[in-house]
Protein backbone atom coordinates (compact mmCIF):
# COMPACT_ATOMS: atom_id res chain seq x y z
CA UNK A 1 0.00 0.00 0.00
CA UNK A 2 1.49 3.34 -1.02
CA UNK A 3 2.06 6.25 1.36
CA UNK A 4 -0.57 8.38 -0.43
CA UNK A 5 -3.22 5.70 0.08
CA UNK A 6 -2.37 5.45 3.77
CA UNK A 7 -2.52 9.23 4.23
CA UNK A 8 -5.82 9.53 2.38
CA UNK A 9 -7.37 6.72 4.41
CA UNK A 10 -6.14 8.24 7.66
CA UNK A 11 -7.59 11.68 6.80
CA UNK A 12 -10.96 10.21 5.86
CA UNK A 13 -11.14 8.23 9.10
CA UNK A 14 -11.43 4.93 7.24
CA UNK A 15 -10.23 1.72 8.84
CA UNK A 16 -6.99 0.65 7.19
CA UNK A 17 -6.94 -2.90 5.86
CA UNK A 18 -4.52 -5.14 7.72
CA UNK A 19 -1.36 -6.12 5.89
CA UNK A 20 -0.15 -9.62 6.59
CA UNK A 21 3.46 -9.31 5.38
CA UNK A 22 5.73 -6.34 4.76
CA UNK A 23 8.82 -7.11 2.67
CA UNK A 24 11.59 -4.64 3.60
CA UNK A 25 14.45 -4.42 1.11
CA UNK A 26 17.50 -2.13 1.56
CA UNK A 27 18.96 -1.07 -1.81
CA UNK A 28 22.65 -0.22 -1.64
CA UNK A 29 23.95 -0.53 -5.20
CA UNK A 30 22.87 -0.15 -8.80
CA UNK A 31 22.73 -3.90 -9.41
CA UNK A 32 19.47 -4.43 -7.53
CA UNK A 33 17.15 -7.04 -9.07
CA UNK A 34 14.00 -5.11 -8.22
CA UNK A 35 11.58 -6.43 -10.85
CA UNK A 36 12.60 -10.07 -10.35
CA UNK A 37 12.45 -9.78 -6.58
CA UNK A 38 8.98 -8.23 -6.48
CA UNK A 39 7.59 -10.69 -9.01
CA UNK A 40 9.02 -13.73 -7.22
CA UNK A 41 8.00 -12.77 -3.68
CA UNK A 42 4.62 -11.42 -4.75
CA UNK A 43 3.83 -14.70 -6.51
CA UNK A 44 4.69 -16.79 -3.46
CA UNK A 45 2.79 -14.54 -1.05
CA UNK A 46 -0.17 -14.46 -3.43
CA UNK A 47 -0.29 -18.27 -3.55
CA UNK A 48 -0.37 -18.27 0.24
CA UNK A 49 -3.23 -15.78 0.24
CA UNK A 50 -1.21 -13.24 2.23
CA UNK A 51 -1.82 -9.54 1.72
CA UNK A 52 1.55 -7.85 1.38
CA UNK A 53 3.52 -4.74 0.60
CA UNK A 54 7.08 -3.97 -0.47
CA UNK A 55 9.12 -1.28 1.24
CA UNK A 56 12.32 -0.43 -0.64
CA UNK A 57 14.85 1.76 1.14
CA UNK A 58 17.27 3.59 -1.17
CA UNK A 59 20.41 3.89 0.93
CA UNK A 60 22.10 6.77 -0.86
CA UNK A 61 21.38 5.18 -4.24
CA UNK A 62 19.82 6.93 -7.23
CA UNK A 63 19.96 6.44 -10.98
CA UNK A 64 18.69 3.17 -12.39
CA UNK A 65 17.37 1.61 -9.13
CA UNK A 66 15.31 4.70 -8.36
CA UNK A 67 13.95 4.90 -11.91
CA UNK A 68 13.01 1.22 -11.80
CA UNK A 69 11.27 1.64 -8.44
CA UNK A 70 9.34 4.71 -9.56
CA UNK A 71 8.14 2.87 -12.66
CA UNK A 72 7.17 -0.12 -10.53
CA UNK A 73 5.37 2.05 -7.99
CA UNK A 74 3.30 3.63 -10.80
CA UNK A 75 2.00 0.14 -11.66
CA UNK A 76 1.75 -1.36 -8.19
CA UNK A 77 0.16 0.41 -5.19
CA UNK A 78 1.75 -2.14 -2.86
CA UNK A 79 5.24 -0.71 -3.42
CA UNK A 80 6.63 2.05 -1.19
CA UNK A 81 9.95 3.86 -1.57
CA UNK A 82 11.96 5.34 1.31
CA UNK A 83 14.89 7.48 0.21
CA UNK A 84 17.71 8.26 2.61
CA UNK A 85 19.62 11.52 2.15
CA UNK A 86 22.96 9.72 1.90
CA UNK A 87 24.53 6.31 2.50
CA UNK A 88 23.87 5.36 6.13
CA UNK A 89 24.42 1.61 6.01
CA UNK A 90 22.20 -1.44 6.09
CA UNK A 91 21.21 -1.16 9.73
CA UNK A 92 19.83 2.37 9.35
CA UNK A 93 18.16 1.42 6.06
CA UNK A 94 16.39 -1.50 7.72
CA UNK A 95 15.29 0.68 10.64
CA UNK A 96 13.83 3.23 8.21
CA UNK A 97 12.01 0.43 6.39
CA UNK A 98 10.65 -0.99 9.66
CA UNK A 99 9.16 2.39 10.55
CA UNK A 100 7.35 2.57 7.21
CA UNK A 101 6.21 -1.08 7.15
CA UNK A 102 2.68 -1.83 8.37
CA UNK A 103 2.57 -5.63 8.21
CA UNK A 104 2.00 -7.95 11.14
CA UNK A 105 5.02 -9.94 9.92
CA UNK A 106 8.17 -8.30 8.60
CA UNK A 107 10.21 -10.11 5.97
CA UNK A 108 13.66 -8.67 5.23
CA UNK A 109 15.61 -9.55 2.11
CA UNK A 110 18.62 -8.34 0.10
CA UNK A 111 17.97 -6.54 -3.18
CA UNK A 112 18.53 -9.69 -5.24
CA UNK A 113 17.31 -13.28 -5.17
CA UNK A 114 19.91 -14.61 -2.76
CA UNK A 115 17.61 -17.38 -1.50
CA UNK A 116 14.99 -19.40 -3.36
CA UNK A 117 11.72 -17.41 -3.08
CA UNK A 118 9.86 -20.65 -2.32
CA UNK A 119 11.48 -20.55 1.13
CA UNK A 120 9.14 -17.70 2.03
CA UNK A 121 6.49 -20.36 2.62
CA UNK A 122 8.59 -22.19 5.20
CA UNK A 123 9.51 -18.97 7.02
CA UNK A 124 5.88 -17.92 7.32
CA UNK A 125 4.85 -21.44 8.26
CA UNK A 126 7.29 -21.31 11.16
CA UNK A 127 5.83 -17.96 12.23
CA UNK A 128 2.33 -19.47 12.08
CA UNK A 129 3.65 -22.37 14.16
CA UNK A 130 4.54 -20.08 17.05
CA UNK A 131 7.97 -18.69 16.21
CA UNK A 132 8.56 -14.98 16.77
CA UNK A 133 11.68 -14.81 14.62
CA UNK A 134 12.90 -17.09 11.83
CA UNK A 135 16.55 -16.89 10.87
CA UNK A 136 17.94 -18.73 7.82
CA UNK A 137 20.88 -21.04 7.37
CA UNK A 138 22.05 -20.96 3.76
CA UNK A 139 22.87 -24.61 3.21
CA UNK A 140 24.63 -25.58 1.14
CA UNK A 141 26.45 -22.32 0.40
CA UNK A 142 27.17 -21.61 -3.25
CA UNK A 143 29.59 -18.68 -2.94
CA UNK A 144 33.40 -18.71 -3.02
CA UNK A 145 35.19 -21.19 -0.76
CA UNK A 146 37.14 -18.50 1.08
CA UNK A 147 33.96 -16.58 1.84
CA UNK A 148 32.32 -19.74 3.15
CA UNK A 149 35.35 -20.48 5.32
CA UNK A 150 35.40 -16.99 6.82
CA UNK A 151 31.66 -17.00 7.44
CA UNK A 152 31.84 -20.42 9.07
CA UNK A 153 34.64 -19.29 11.37
CA UNK A 154 32.81 -16.07 12.32
CA UNK A 155 29.62 -17.96 13.17
CA UNK A 156 31.59 -20.61 15.08
CA UNK A 157 33.24 -17.95 17.25
CA UNK A 158 29.85 -16.35 17.84
CA UNK A 159 28.27 -19.68 18.82
CA UNK A 160 31.06 -20.50 21.27
CA UNK A 161 31.21 -17.07 22.86
CA UNK A 162 27.44 -16.53 23.07
CA UNK A 163 26.39 -20.17 23.65
CA UNK A 164 23.87 -20.01 20.82
CA UNK A 165 23.04 -22.47 18.03
CA UNK A 166 22.75 -20.20 14.96
CA UNK A 167 24.91 -21.00 11.93
CA UNK A 168 24.36 -18.05 9.60
CA UNK A 169 23.67 -14.70 11.29
CA UNK A 170 25.01 -12.82 8.23
CA UNK A 171 21.98 -13.58 6.03
CA UNK A 172 19.21 -10.96 6.21
CA UNK A 173 16.54 -13.11 4.54
CA UNK A 174 14.49 -13.27 7.75
CA UNK A 175 10.93 -13.20 9.00
CA UNK A 176 9.83 -11.75 12.30
CA UNK A 177 6.75 -10.59 14.14
CA UNK A 178 6.32 -6.84 14.56
CA UNK A 179 6.53 -7.23 18.35
CA UNK A 180 10.20 -8.21 18.02
CA UNK A 181 11.11 -4.90 16.40
CA UNK A 182 9.10 -2.95 18.96
CA UNK A 183 11.35 -4.22 21.74
CA UNK A 184 14.77 -4.30 20.04
CA UNK A 185 16.74 -1.27 18.90
CA UNK A 186 18.88 -1.75 15.80
CA UNK A 187 21.90 0.47 15.19
CA UNK A 188 25.43 0.20 13.82
CA UNK A 189 26.00 -3.34 12.55
CA UNK A 190 23.61 -4.91 15.03
CA UNK A 191 21.24 -5.96 12.23
CA UNK A 192 23.50 -9.00 11.87
CA UNK A 193 22.75 -10.02 15.43
CA UNK A 194 18.98 -9.58 15.48
CA UNK A 195 18.42 -13.33 16.11
CA UNK A 196 20.78 -13.20 19.10
CA UNK A 197 19.14 -10.09 20.55
CA UNK A 198 15.64 -11.50 19.96
CA UNK A 199 16.48 -14.76 21.72
CA UNK A 200 18.08 -12.90 24.59
CA UNK A 201 14.89 -10.84 24.97
CA UNK A 202 12.84 -14.00 25.37
CA UNK A 203 11.38 -14.37 21.89
CA UNK A 204 11.18 -17.78 20.27
CA UNK A 205 13.80 -17.88 17.50
CA UNK A 206 13.82 -20.72 14.95
CA UNK A 207 16.62 -21.48 12.48
CA UNK A 208 15.72 -23.02 9.12
CA UNK A 209 17.95 -24.33 6.35
CA UNK A 210 17.17 -22.52 3.10
CA UNK A 211 18.27 -23.05 -0.48
CA UNK A 212 21.04 -20.64 -1.39
CA UNK A 213 20.86 -19.49 -5.03
CA UNK A 214 23.70 -16.99 -5.35
CA UNK A 215 25.84 -14.52 -3.45
CA UNK A 216 26.94 -11.06 -4.47
CA UNK A 217 29.64 -8.85 -3.09
CA UNK A 218 33.37 -9.06 -2.55
CA UNK A 219 35.13 -12.43 -2.53
CA UNK A 220 38.39 -13.34 -0.83
CA UNK A 221 40.11 -11.48 1.97
CA UNK A 222 38.45 -8.25 3.10
CA UNK A 223 41.35 -6.38 4.69
CA UNK A 224 42.40 -5.86 8.30
CA UNK A 225 39.72 -3.24 8.98
CA UNK A 226 36.87 -5.60 8.14
CA UNK A 227 38.19 -8.34 10.42
CA UNK A 228 38.82 -5.85 13.22
CA UNK A 229 35.21 -4.65 12.94
CA UNK A 230 33.97 -8.23 13.15
CA UNK A 231 35.94 -8.81 16.35
CA UNK A 232 34.55 -5.59 17.82
CA UNK A 233 31.04 -6.60 16.72
CA UNK A 234 31.34 -9.88 18.61
CA UNK A 235 32.62 -8.07 21.72
CA UNK A 236 29.77 -5.56 21.43
CA UNK A 237 27.05 -8.19 21.13
CA UNK A 238 28.63 -10.21 23.95
CA UNK A 239 28.49 -7.16 26.21
CA UNK A 240 24.96 -6.14 25.14
CA UNK A 241 23.55 -9.64 25.51
CA UNK A 242 25.13 -10.52 28.84
CA UNK A 243 26.18 -7.38 30.69
CA UNK A 244 23.87 -4.54 29.61
CA UNK A 245 22.09 -4.60 32.97
CA UNK A 246 25.15 -5.76 34.95
CA UNK A 247 28.10 -3.62 33.75
CA UNK A 248 30.03 -4.08 36.99
CA UNK A 249 30.36 -7.81 36.32
CA UNK A 250 32.02 -7.09 32.98
CA UNK A 251 34.25 -4.17 33.97
CA UNK A 252 34.74 -5.53 37.48
CA UNK A 253 36.11 -8.85 36.21
CA UNK A 254 38.55 -7.17 33.83
CA UNK A 255 39.56 -4.57 36.44
CA UNK A 256 40.07 -7.19 39.14
CA UNK A 257 42.28 -9.30 36.87
CA UNK A 258 44.41 -6.26 35.97
CA UNK A 259 44.69 -5.28 39.61
CA UNK A 260 45.71 -8.78 40.74
CA UNK A 261 48.35 -9.06 38.00
CA UNK A 262 49.69 -5.67 39.09
CA UNK A 263 49.78 -6.77 42.73
CA UNK A 264 51.63 -9.98 41.81
CA UNK A 265 54.24 -8.11 39.75
CA UNK A 266 54.72 -5.49 42.46
CA UNK A 267 55.01 -8.16 45.17
CA UNK A 268 57.71 -10.04 43.23
CA UNK A 269 59.75 -6.91 42.61
CA UNK A 270 59.38 -5.85 46.25
CA UNK A 271 60.59 -9.23 47.49
CA UNK A 272 63.54 -9.04 45.12
CA UNK A 273 64.33 -5.58 46.50
CA UNK A 274 64.78 -7.07 49.98
CA UNK A 275 67.00 -9.75 48.42
CA UNK A 276 69.44 -7.06 47.36
CA UNK A 277 68.27 -6.23 43.84
CA UNK A 278 67.79 -2.44 43.51
CA UNK A 279 64.48 -1.20 42.13
CA UNK A 280 66.30 0.95 39.61
CA UNK A 281 67.12 -2.25 37.79
CA UNK A 282 63.56 -3.57 38.09
CA UNK A 283 61.27 -1.48 35.80
CA UNK A 284 58.59 -4.16 36.23
CA UNK A 285 57.57 -2.36 39.45
CA UNK A 286 56.28 0.54 37.35
CA UNK A 287 54.29 -1.91 35.23
CA UNK A 288 52.79 -3.46 38.35
CA UNK A 289 51.73 -0.09 39.77
CA UNK A 290 50.32 0.93 36.38
CA UNK A 291 48.23 -2.26 36.15
CA UNK A 292 46.87 -1.75 39.66
CA UNK A 293 45.83 1.84 38.85
CA UNK A 294 44.31 0.73 35.55
CA UNK A 295 42.39 -2.04 37.32
CA UNK A 296 40.91 0.42 39.81
CA UNK A 297 39.85 2.72 36.97
CA UNK A 298 38.18 -0.09 35.02
CA UNK A 299 36.24 -1.13 38.14
CA UNK A 300 35.23 2.52 38.47
CA UNK A 301 33.76 2.41 34.96
CA UNK A 302 31.63 -0.53 36.05
CA UNK A 303 30.45 1.32 39.15
CA UNK A 304 29.45 4.35 37.08
CA UNK A 305 27.54 2.01 34.77
CA UNK A 306 25.75 0.46 37.73
CA UNK A 307 24.72 3.92 38.96
CA UNK A 308 23.29 4.75 35.53
CA UNK A 309 21.41 1.45 35.37
CA UNK A 310 20.07 1.96 38.91
CA UNK A 311 18.73 5.44 38.15
CA UNK A 312 17.13 4.27 34.87
CA UNK A 313 15.97 0.84 36.05
CA UNK A 314 12.28 1.75 35.98
CA UNK A 315 12.56 2.45 32.23
CA UNK A 316 14.43 -0.75 31.42
CA UNK A 317 13.00 -4.21 30.82
CA UNK A 318 15.01 -7.31 30.05
CA UNK A 319 12.14 -9.76 29.85
CA UNK A 320 9.14 -10.51 27.65
CA UNK A 321 5.73 -11.36 29.09
CA UNK A 322 4.25 -14.21 27.09
CA UNK A 323 0.86 -14.43 28.76
CA UNK A 324 -1.07 -13.18 31.79
CA UNK A 325 -3.95 -15.29 33.05
């Protein structure tokens, strides 16, 4: 349903028809397969008897994709276009699409047929079966071997560190209930970790193997910066999932370890001083004192975090109520 139709209905006081599924698609490059994607997904959703809409978010992209979308929108009232002022990244694009979408179920997808469109049926079937969030596992993968290896390693590290069972958090071909997005904030690169955040919040997350058709994007090694960002992403999601409401446990553990190492180093150098070794020849004492001071500061960060959490506790909720009887 287009924005003009929604506005007109709202002004007239008419009751808006419910949309079953909103398909949110971020468009980041000129190679988007817009016509094929809309035709394929619309056919599958039509066979299922699901009312639907498409929300395309142009993430700093113009030219051919915009022309194709405008032509498509002129023919189809179920297509909406959200244009961002510049390139903000996939997470912001998805958030903008979520705000515009009106469906009870949100389906996200890349701007090309990465996964067999028939899999839409299985994702929605899982939602109908009680799942709140359905995350895919592209199996078997059809992209370059090195990409598969890197993705497998990334997901393995995430599974071990987070104690989760997901195998493919990088794929955005997902289905979720609207309630999930109402309780989870997406920013930065956190769109990758939506299944983790949803499960942590208490939603039922189901992983399904889907048929992988093709993969676009860079192949091979991605450079040091990309790998560094992935490490930081894992650290960020580990902190957000486990220590958001208990920052002192995170900072306190690190600070205590630093302090104890500093105490041990200082104790050894002090004992050696009494054994006749002058401190001028033992620079490790400075390292020990530095580690103790650093440990105290890190614990202080945790205490400040606890104060913030305490003062804002009434506005925070880390649980989901399933039913009240």
